């Protein structure tokens, strides 16, 4: 673990550790920060972006499966006072398509938005609070959090 005010890196030994990291983030958002969050998720296919999001969504109160929205672009979850939106922009042809689906309406104080492949929505997406980079390290994963706002800095400070 490497921690400073804006960047934190963790090793995730398996899928369970990745889900647990998502759970930790959700618990901090729900119980301490109490404010929405925009997270950009970067990493190769299979690096754990959806797995991290699954841990978050389930900890926010969703019962059931959490799947990657590869073909739908967004999976919405309306949960006890929160809206969680999981975007996968891998198949997005043009960022303007996001305007047609009303993308700006998804980003507000009680929304937590996790965006896979954010570079495909450049110029249209809300600015991130947190950039998450996930990469393979042998059979494990390395996750790096890069805070872009004070909300994300508070989040990083609370992750142990």
N, C-alpha and C. Protein backbone atom coordinates (compact mmCIF):
# COMPACT_ATOMS: atom_id res chain seq x y z
N UNK A 1 0.85 -1.18 0.00
CA UNK A 1 0.00 0.00 0.00
C UNK A 1 0.89 1.24 0.00
N UNK A 2 0.57 2.18 -0.89
CA UNK A 2 1.27 3.46 -0.99
C UNK A 2 0.21 4.55 -0.92
N UNK A 3 0.30 5.43 0.09
CA UNK A 3 -0.74 6.46 0.28
C UNK A 3 -0.11 7.85 0.33
N UNK A 4 -0.69 8.79 -0.41
CA UNK A 4 -0.44 10.21 -0.20
C UNK A 4 -1.80 10.89 -0.34
N UNK A 5 -1.84 12.22 -0.33
CA UNK A 5 -3.13 12.91 -0.34
C UNK A 5 -3.96 12.66 -1.59
N UNK A 6 -3.32 12.47 -2.72
CA UNK A 6 -4.12 12.34 -3.93
C UNK A 6 -4.02 10.98 -4.61
N UNK A 7 -3.03 10.19 -4.30
CA UNK A 7 -2.85 8.91 -4.98
C UNK A 7 -2.62 7.79 -3.96
N UNK A 8 -3.32 6.67 -4.18
CA UNK A 8 -3.16 5.50 -3.33
C UNK A 8 -3.11 4.27 -4.20
N UNK A 9 -2.22 3.36 -3.89
CA UNK A 9 -2.09 2.11 -4.63
C UNK A 9 -2.24 0.94 -3.68
N UNK A 10 -3.01 -0.07 -4.11
CA UNK A 10 -3.20 -1.30 -3.34
C UNK A 10 -2.97 -2.49 -4.25
N UNK A 11 -2.53 -3.59 -3.67
CA UNK A 11 -2.48 -4.87 -4.36
C UNK A 11 -3.78 -5.60 -4.01
N UNK A 12 -4.42 -6.17 -5.00
CA UNK A 12 -5.65 -6.95 -4.80
C UNK A 12 -5.33 -8.39 -5.15
N UNK A 13 -5.36 -9.27 -4.14
CA UNK A 13 -4.87 -10.63 -4.36
C UNK A 13 -5.81 -11.51 -5.17
N UNK A 14 -7.12 -11.17 -5.16
CA UNK A 14 -8.06 -12.00 -5.90
C UNK A 14 -9.36 -11.23 -6.14
N UNK A 15 -10.33 -11.89 -6.75
CA UNK A 15 -11.61 -11.26 -7.06
C UNK A 15 -12.31 -10.77 -5.79
N UNK A 16 -12.23 -11.55 -4.74
CA UNK A 16 -12.86 -11.18 -3.47
C UNK A 16 -12.29 -9.86 -2.93
N UNK A 17 -10.99 -9.69 -3.05
CA UNK A 17 -10.35 -8.45 -2.59
C UNK A 17 -10.83 -7.26 -3.41
N UNK A 18 -11.08 -7.48 -4.69
CA UNK A 18 -11.58 -6.41 -5.56
C UNK A 18 -13.01 -6.03 -5.18
N UNK A 19 -13.85 -7.03 -4.94
CA UNK A 19 -15.22 -6.77 -4.49
C UNK A 19 -15.19 -6.03 -3.15
N UNK A 20 -14.32 -6.47 -2.25
CA UNK A 20 -14.21 -5.83 -0.94
C UNK A 20 -13.78 -4.37 -1.04
N UNK A 21 -12.93 -4.05 -2.00
CA UNK A 21 -12.52 -2.65 -2.20
C UNK A 21 -13.72 -1.82 -2.64
N UNK A 22 -14.53 -2.37 -3.54
CA UNK A 22 -15.76 -1.67 -3.94
C UNK A 22 -16.70 -1.47 -2.77
N UNK A 23 -16.81 -2.48 -1.91
CA UNK A 23 -17.64 -2.39 -0.71
C UNK A 23 -17.12 -1.30 0.22
N UNK A 24 -15.83 -1.24 0.40
CA UNK A 24 -15.22 -0.21 1.26
C UNK A 24 -15.54 1.19 0.74
N UNK A 25 -15.41 1.39 -0.55
CA UNK A 25 -15.71 2.69 -1.15
C UNK A 25 -17.17 3.06 -0.91
N UNK A 26 -18.08 2.10 -1.14
CA UNK A 26 -19.51 2.36 -0.94
C UNK A 26 -19.81 2.73 0.51
N UNK A 27 -19.24 2.01 1.44
CA UNK A 27 -19.51 2.29 2.85
C UNK A 27 -19.02 3.67 3.26
N UNK A 28 -17.90 4.09 2.73
CA UNK A 28 -17.39 5.44 3.03
C UNK A 28 -18.30 6.50 2.41
N UNK A 29 -18.73 6.29 1.18
CA UNK A 29 -19.63 7.24 0.52
C UNK A 29 -20.95 7.34 1.28
N UNK A 30 -21.56 6.19 1.61
CA UNK A 30 -22.87 6.17 2.29
C UNK A 30 -22.81 6.75 3.70
N UNK A 31 -21.80 6.36 4.45
CA UNK A 31 -21.78 6.64 5.88
C UNK A 31 -20.99 7.87 6.29
N UNK A 32 -19.99 8.24 5.52
CA UNK A 32 -19.12 9.35 5.91
C UNK A 32 -19.23 10.57 5.01
N UNK A 33 -19.06 10.36 3.72
CA UNK A 33 -19.02 11.49 2.78
C UNK A 33 -20.42 11.95 2.40
N UNK A 34 -21.32 11.01 2.19
CA UNK A 34 -22.73 11.30 1.91
C UNK A 34 -22.94 12.23 0.72
N UNK A 35 -22.16 11.98 -0.32
CA UNK A 35 -22.22 12.79 -1.53
C UNK A 35 -21.90 11.89 -2.71
N UNK A 36 -22.48 12.19 -3.87
CA UNK A 36 -22.23 11.42 -5.07
C UNK A 36 -20.77 11.50 -5.51
N UNK A 37 -20.44 10.66 -6.47
CA UNK A 37 -19.06 10.50 -6.89
C UNK A 37 -19.03 10.11 -8.37
N UNK A 38 -18.10 10.66 -9.12
CA UNK A 38 -17.87 10.25 -10.50
C UNK A 38 -16.51 9.56 -10.55
N UNK A 39 -16.53 8.29 -10.98
CA UNK A 39 -15.32 7.47 -11.01
C UNK A 39 -15.05 7.04 -12.44
N UNK A 40 -13.85 7.35 -12.93
CA UNK A 40 -13.41 6.85 -14.22
C UNK A 40 -12.60 5.58 -13.96
N UNK A 41 -12.95 4.51 -14.65
CA UNK A 41 -12.29 3.22 -14.48
C UNK A 41 -11.44 2.91 -15.71
N UNK A 42 -10.15 2.73 -15.51
CA UNK A 42 -9.23 2.41 -16.60
C UNK A 42 -8.59 1.06 -16.33
N UNK A 43 -8.37 0.31 -17.39
CA UNK A 43 -7.70 -0.98 -17.28
C UNK A 43 -8.07 -1.87 -18.44
N UNK A 44 -7.22 -2.84 -18.70
CA UNK A 44 -7.48 -3.78 -19.79
C UNK A 44 -8.73 -4.60 -19.52
N UNK A 45 -9.24 -5.25 -20.55
CA UNK A 45 -10.35 -6.18 -20.39
C UNK A 45 -9.97 -7.21 -19.33
N UNK A 46 -10.87 -7.46 -18.40
CA UNK A 46 -10.62 -8.45 -17.36
C UNK A 46 -9.80 -7.97 -16.18
N UNK A 47 -9.47 -6.68 -16.14
CA UNK A 47 -8.64 -6.16 -15.05
C UNK A 47 -9.39 -6.00 -13.73
N UNK A 48 -10.73 -6.04 -13.77
CA UNK A 48 -11.50 -5.96 -12.53
C UNK A 48 -12.39 -4.75 -12.38
N UNK A 49 -12.58 -4.00 -13.45
CA UNK A 49 -13.40 -2.77 -13.37
C UNK A 49 -14.85 -3.09 -12.98
N UNK A 50 -15.44 -4.07 -13.64
CA UNK A 50 -16.82 -4.44 -13.31
C UNK A 50 -16.89 -5.10 -11.94
N UNK A 51 -15.89 -5.86 -11.58
CA UNK A 51 -15.86 -6.52 -10.27
C UNK A 51 -15.83 -5.48 -9.15
N UNK A 52 -15.02 -4.44 -9.30
CA UNK A 52 -14.98 -3.35 -8.32
C UNK A 52 -16.34 -2.67 -8.22
N UNK A 53 -16.94 -2.40 -9.38
CA UNK A 53 -18.25 -1.76 -9.42
C UNK A 53 -19.30 -2.65 -8.77
N UNK A 54 -19.23 -3.96 -9.00
CA UNK A 54 -20.17 -4.89 -8.38
C UNK A 54 -20.13 -4.79 -6.86
N UNK A 55 -18.93 -4.74 -6.29
CA UNK A 55 -18.80 -4.60 -4.84
C UNK A 55 -19.45 -3.32 -4.35
N UNK A 56 -19.28 -2.24 -5.09
CA UNK A 56 -19.86 -0.94 -4.73
C UNK A 56 -21.38 -1.01 -4.79
N UNK A 57 -21.92 -1.49 -5.91
CA UNK A 57 -23.36 -1.51 -6.13
C UNK A 57 -24.05 -2.39 -5.08
N UNK A 58 -23.49 -3.55 -4.81
CA UNK A 58 -24.10 -4.43 -3.82
C UNK A 58 -24.03 -3.84 -2.41
N UNK A 59 -22.94 -3.17 -2.09
CA UNK A 59 -22.82 -2.53 -0.77
C UNK A 59 -23.77 -1.34 -0.62
N UNK A 60 -24.16 -0.75 -1.74
CA UNK A 60 -25.13 0.35 -1.71
C UNK A 60 -26.56 -0.17 -1.54
N UNK A 61 -26.74 -1.51 -1.60
CA UNK A 61 -28.04 -2.08 -1.32
C UNK A 61 -28.68 -2.88 -2.43
N UNK A 62 -28.01 -3.03 -3.58
CA UNK A 62 -28.59 -3.80 -4.68
C UNK A 62 -28.53 -5.29 -4.37
N UNK A 63 -29.65 -5.94 -4.55
CA UNK A 63 -29.71 -7.40 -4.41
C UNK A 63 -29.80 -7.96 -5.82
N UNK A 64 -28.94 -8.86 -6.14
CA UNK A 64 -28.98 -9.46 -7.47
C UNK A 64 -27.70 -9.25 -8.23
N UNK A 65 -27.73 -9.63 -9.50
CA UNK A 65 -26.55 -9.57 -10.35
C UNK A 65 -26.18 -8.13 -10.71
N UNK A 66 -24.90 -7.93 -10.89
CA UNK A 66 -24.37 -6.68 -11.42
C UNK A 66 -23.56 -7.09 -12.64
N UNK A 67 -24.02 -6.65 -13.80
CA UNK A 67 -23.34 -7.06 -15.03
C UNK A 67 -22.75 -5.84 -15.74
N UNK A 68 -21.82 -6.12 -16.61
CA UNK A 68 -21.22 -5.05 -17.40
C UNK A 68 -22.22 -4.57 -18.45
N UNK A 69 -22.41 -3.27 -18.56
CA UNK A 69 -23.36 -2.73 -19.55
C UNK A 69 -22.73 -2.55 -20.94
N UNK A 70 -21.97 -3.53 -21.38
CA UNK A 70 -21.25 -3.42 -22.64
C UNK A 70 -22.17 -3.10 -23.81
N UNK A 71 -23.35 -3.69 -23.84
CA UNK A 71 -24.25 -3.49 -24.98
C UNK A 71 -25.31 -2.43 -24.73
N UNK A 72 -25.57 -2.10 -23.47
CA UNK A 72 -26.60 -1.11 -23.16
C UNK A 72 -26.02 0.26 -22.84
N UNK A 73 -24.73 0.37 -22.70
CA UNK A 73 -23.98 1.58 -22.31
C UNK A 73 -24.13 1.93 -20.84
N UNK A 74 -25.31 1.73 -20.25
CA UNK A 74 -25.48 2.07 -18.84
C UNK A 74 -26.43 1.07 -18.17
N UNK A 75 -26.06 0.70 -16.94
CA UNK A 75 -26.95 -0.08 -16.07
C UNK A 75 -27.28 0.82 -14.88
N UNK A 76 -28.56 1.20 -14.73
CA UNK A 76 -28.95 2.06 -13.59
C UNK A 76 -29.39 1.22 -12.38
N UNK A 77 -29.06 1.71 -11.21
CA UNK A 77 -29.48 1.07 -9.96
C UNK A 77 -30.04 2.16 -9.06
N UNK A 78 -31.34 2.11 -8.79
CA UNK A 78 -31.99 3.06 -7.89
C UNK A 78 -32.06 2.42 -6.52
N UNK A 79 -31.33 2.98 -5.57
CA UNK A 79 -31.14 2.35 -4.27
C UNK A 79 -31.36 3.35 -3.15
N UNK A 80 -32.20 3.07 -2.21
CA UNK A 80 -32.38 3.80 -0.96
C UNK A 80 -31.69 5.17 -0.90
N UNK A 81 -32.22 6.14 -1.64
CA UNK A 81 -31.68 7.50 -1.60
C UNK A 81 -30.49 7.75 -2.52
N UNK A 82 -30.05 6.74 -3.21
CA UNK A 82 -28.90 6.87 -4.11
C UNK A 82 -29.25 6.33 -5.49
N UNK A 83 -28.62 6.90 -6.47
CA UNK A 83 -28.64 6.34 -7.82
C UNK A 83 -27.21 5.98 -8.18
N UNK A 84 -27.03 4.75 -8.62
CA UNK A 84 -25.72 4.32 -9.07
C UNK A 84 -25.85 3.97 -10.54
N UNK A 85 -24.94 4.51 -11.34
CA UNK A 85 -24.95 4.25 -12.77
C UNK A 85 -23.60 3.67 -13.17
N UNK A 86 -23.66 2.54 -13.83
CA UNK A 86 -22.46 1.87 -14.31
C UNK A 86 -22.44 1.98 -15.83
N UNK A 87 -21.50 2.74 -16.33
CA UNK A 87 -21.37 2.96 -17.77
C UNK A 87 -20.21 2.12 -18.31
N UNK A 88 -20.40 1.54 -19.47
CA UNK A 88 -19.33 0.88 -20.21
C UNK A 88 -19.37 1.44 -21.61
N UNK A 89 -18.40 2.28 -21.93
CA UNK A 89 -18.40 3.00 -23.20
C UNK A 89 -17.54 2.33 -24.27
N UNK A 90 -17.14 1.09 -24.02
CA UNK A 90 -16.25 0.38 -24.94
C UNK A 90 -16.77 0.39 -26.37
N UNK A 91 -18.06 0.20 -26.55
CA UNK A 91 -18.65 0.10 -27.89
C UNK A 91 -19.21 1.42 -28.41
N UNK A 92 -18.99 2.50 -27.68
CA UNK A 92 -19.50 3.81 -28.09
C UNK A 92 -18.80 4.27 -29.37
N UNK A 93 -19.60 4.64 -30.37
CA UNK A 93 -19.03 5.07 -31.64
C UNK A 93 -18.59 6.53 -31.63
N UNK A 94 -19.38 7.39 -30.96
CA UNK A 94 -19.12 8.82 -30.96
C UNK A 94 -19.62 9.39 -29.63
N UNK A 95 -18.84 10.27 -28.98
CA UNK A 95 -19.28 10.83 -27.71
C UNK A 95 -20.64 11.53 -27.79
N UNK A 96 -21.00 12.01 -28.97
CA UNK A 96 -22.28 12.70 -29.14
C UNK A 96 -23.48 11.78 -28.85
N UNK A 97 -23.28 10.46 -29.01
CA UNK A 97 -24.34 9.51 -28.69
C UNK A 97 -24.77 9.64 -27.23
N UNK A 98 -23.84 10.04 -26.38
CA UNK A 98 -24.15 10.21 -24.96
C UNK A 98 -25.11 11.38 -24.75
N UNK A 99 -25.00 12.40 -25.56
CA UNK A 99 -25.92 13.54 -25.47
C UNK A 99 -27.35 13.10 -25.78
N UNK A 100 -27.50 12.21 -26.75
CA UNK A 100 -28.83 11.74 -27.15
C UNK A 100 -29.50 10.92 -26.05
N UNK A 101 -28.70 10.28 -25.21
CA UNK A 101 -29.27 9.49 -24.11
C UNK A 101 -29.43 10.31 -22.84
N UNK A 102 -29.14 11.61 -22.90
CA UNK A 102 -29.32 12.49 -21.74
C UNK A 102 -28.28 12.29 -20.66
N UNK A 103 -27.05 12.08 -21.05
CA UNK A 103 -25.97 11.73 -20.12
C UNK A 103 -25.83 12.73 -18.97
N UNK A 104 -26.03 13.99 -19.21
CA UNK A 104 -25.82 15.00 -18.16
C UNK A 104 -26.80 14.84 -16.99
N UNK A 105 -27.96 14.23 -17.26
CA UNK A 105 -28.96 14.01 -16.21
C UNK A 105 -28.51 12.96 -15.19
N UNK A 106 -27.54 12.15 -15.54
CA UNK A 106 -27.08 11.09 -14.65
C UNK A 106 -26.17 11.61 -13.53
N UNK A 107 -25.57 12.76 -13.73
CA UNK A 107 -24.56 13.25 -12.80
C UNK A 107 -25.16 14.30 -11.87
N UNK A 108 -25.31 13.94 -10.57
CA UNK A 108 -25.81 14.89 -9.57
C UNK A 108 -25.34 14.48 -8.18
N UNK A 109 -25.76 15.23 -7.17
CA UNK A 109 -25.27 15.04 -5.80
C UNK A 109 -25.53 13.66 -5.20
N UNK A 110 -26.60 12.99 -5.63
CA UNK A 110 -26.91 11.68 -5.05
C UNK A 110 -26.63 10.55 -6.03
N UNK A 111 -25.86 10.83 -7.07
CA UNK A 111 -25.51 9.80 -8.05
C UNK A 111 -24.05 9.42 -7.92
N UNK A 112 -23.82 8.14 -8.00
CA UNK A 112 -22.46 7.62 -8.08
C UNK A 112 -22.35 6.99 -9.45
N UNK A 113 -21.45 7.53 -10.25
CA UNK A 113 -21.29 7.08 -11.64
C UNK A 113 -19.93 6.44 -11.83
N UNK A 114 -19.94 5.19 -12.26
CA UNK A 114 -18.72 4.46 -12.56
C UNK A 114 -18.65 4.31 -14.06
N UNK A 115 -17.57 4.82 -14.67
CA UNK A 115 -17.48 4.88 -16.12
C UNK A 115 -16.27 4.09 -16.62
N UNK A 116 -16.55 2.97 -17.30
CA UNK A 116 -15.49 2.21 -17.94
C UNK A 116 -15.24 2.79 -19.33
N UNK A 117 -13.99 2.85 -19.73
CA UNK A 117 -13.57 3.40 -21.02
C UNK A 117 -13.99 4.87 -21.16
N UNK A 118 -13.68 5.70 -20.16
CA UNK A 118 -14.12 7.10 -20.18
C UNK A 118 -13.56 7.92 -21.33
N UNK A 119 -12.42 7.53 -21.86
CA UNK A 119 -11.84 8.29 -22.97
C UNK A 119 -12.76 8.32 -24.18
N UNK A 120 -13.65 7.36 -24.30
CA UNK A 120 -14.58 7.31 -25.43
C UNK A 120 -15.70 8.34 -25.29
N UNK A 121 -15.87 8.91 -24.10
CA UNK A 121 -16.89 9.93 -23.88
C UNK A 121 -16.29 11.30 -23.60
N UNK A 122 -15.04 11.45 -23.96
CA UNK A 122 -14.32 12.69 -23.70
C UNK A 122 -15.05 13.90 -24.27
N UNK A 123 -15.14 14.95 -23.46
CA UNK A 123 -15.80 16.18 -23.87
C UNK A 123 -17.27 16.23 -23.53
N UNK A 124 -17.86 15.07 -23.17
CA UNK A 124 -19.28 15.01 -22.86
C UNK A 124 -19.51 14.60 -21.40
N UNK A 125 -18.66 13.73 -20.90
CA UNK A 125 -18.80 13.24 -19.53
C UNK A 125 -18.50 14.32 -18.50
N UNK A 126 -19.08 14.18 -17.32
CA UNK A 126 -18.73 15.04 -16.20
C UNK A 126 -17.27 14.74 -15.82
N UNK A 127 -16.61 15.71 -15.25
CA UNK A 127 -15.23 15.53 -14.79
C UNK A 127 -15.21 14.51 -13.65
N UNK A 128 -14.15 13.72 -13.57
CA UNK A 128 -14.10 12.70 -12.52
C UNK A 128 -13.71 13.29 -11.16
N UNK A 129 -14.26 12.68 -10.12
CA UNK A 129 -13.75 12.93 -8.77
C UNK A 129 -12.54 12.03 -8.54
N UNK A 130 -12.63 10.82 -9.08
CA UNK A 130 -11.63 9.80 -8.84
C UNK A 130 -11.33 9.05 -10.12
N UNK A 131 -10.05 8.87 -10.41
CA UNK A 131 -9.64 8.02 -11.52
C UNK A 131 -9.05 6.76 -10.92
N UNK A 132 -9.56 5.62 -11.37
CA UNK A 132 -9.10 4.32 -10.89
C UNK A 132 -8.40 3.62 -12.04
N UNK A 133 -7.15 3.26 -11.81
CA UNK A 133 -6.38 2.50 -12.79
C UNK A 133 -6.16 1.10 -12.24
N UNK A 134 -6.54 0.10 -13.02
CA UNK A 134 -6.38 -1.29 -12.60
C UNK A 134 -5.49 -2.00 -13.60
N UNK A 135 -4.54 -2.78 -13.07
CA UNK A 135 -3.64 -3.49 -13.96
C UNK A 135 -3.26 -4.85 -13.38
N UNK A 136 -2.86 -5.73 -14.27
CA UNK A 136 -2.41 -7.05 -13.88
C UNK A 136 -1.01 -6.97 -13.27
N UNK A 137 -0.81 -7.74 -12.20
CA UNK A 137 0.52 -7.95 -11.64
C UNK A 137 0.59 -9.46 -11.39
N UNK A 138 1.06 -10.21 -12.39
CA UNK A 138 1.03 -11.67 -12.30
C UNK A 138 -0.42 -12.12 -12.28
N UNK A 139 -0.79 -12.90 -11.26
CA UNK A 139 -2.17 -13.36 -11.12
C UNK A 139 -3.00 -12.42 -10.27
N UNK A 140 -2.36 -11.40 -9.73
CA UNK A 140 -3.06 -10.42 -8.90
C UNK A 140 -3.33 -9.15 -9.70
N UNK A 141 -3.92 -8.16 -9.03
CA UNK A 141 -4.19 -6.87 -9.64
C UNK A 141 -3.60 -5.77 -8.77
N UNK A 142 -3.26 -4.69 -9.42
CA UNK A 142 -2.86 -3.48 -8.71
C UNK A 142 -3.91 -2.44 -9.04
N UNK A 143 -4.39 -1.74 -8.01
CA UNK A 143 -5.37 -0.69 -8.20
C UNK A 143 -4.77 0.61 -7.68
N UNK A 144 -4.87 1.65 -8.50
CA UNK A 144 -4.36 2.96 -8.11
C UNK A 144 -5.51 3.95 -8.17
N UNK A 145 -5.70 4.66 -7.07
CA UNK A 145 -6.71 5.71 -6.99
C UNK A 145 -6.01 7.05 -7.15
N UNK A 146 -6.54 7.89 -8.03
CA UNK A 146 -6.00 9.23 -8.26
C UNK A 146 -7.14 10.23 -8.02
N UNK A 147 -7.06 10.94 -6.90
CA UNK A 147 -8.11 11.90 -6.52
C UNK A 147 -7.99 13.17 -7.34
N UNK A 148 -9.12 13.63 -7.87
CA UNK A 148 -9.17 14.86 -8.65
C UNK A 148 -9.98 15.94 -7.96
N UNK A 149 -10.66 15.59 -6.85
CA UNK A 149 -11.46 16.56 -6.09
C UNK A 149 -11.27 16.31 -4.60
N UNK A 150 -11.75 17.25 -3.79
CA UNK A 150 -11.65 17.06 -2.34
C UNK A 150 -12.49 15.89 -1.87
N UNK A 151 -13.60 15.61 -2.54
CA UNK A 151 -14.42 14.44 -2.17
C UNK A 151 -13.59 13.18 -2.30
N UNK A 152 -12.89 13.04 -3.39
CA UNK A 152 -12.04 11.85 -3.59
C UNK A 152 -10.86 11.83 -2.63
N UNK A 153 -10.32 12.99 -2.30
CA UNK A 153 -9.25 13.03 -1.30
C UNK A 153 -9.76 12.54 0.05
N UNK A 154 -10.98 12.94 0.42
CA UNK A 154 -11.59 12.46 1.67
C UNK A 154 -11.76 10.95 1.62
N UNK A 155 -12.20 10.46 0.49
CA UNK A 155 -12.39 9.01 0.32
C UNK A 155 -11.06 8.28 0.52
N UNK A 156 -10.03 8.72 -0.15
CA UNK A 156 -8.72 8.08 -0.05
C UNK A 156 -8.21 8.11 1.39
N UNK A 157 -8.41 9.23 2.07
CA UNK A 157 -7.95 9.34 3.46
C UNK A 157 -8.64 8.32 4.37
N UNK A 158 -9.86 7.93 4.03
CA UNK A 158 -10.62 7.00 4.87
C UNK A 158 -10.39 5.53 4.51
N UNK A 159 -9.83 5.25 3.34
CA UNK A 159 -9.55 3.87 2.97
C UNK A 159 -8.32 3.43 3.76
N UNK A 160 -8.44 2.30 4.42
CA UNK A 160 -7.32 1.84 5.24
C UNK A 160 -6.59 0.71 4.59
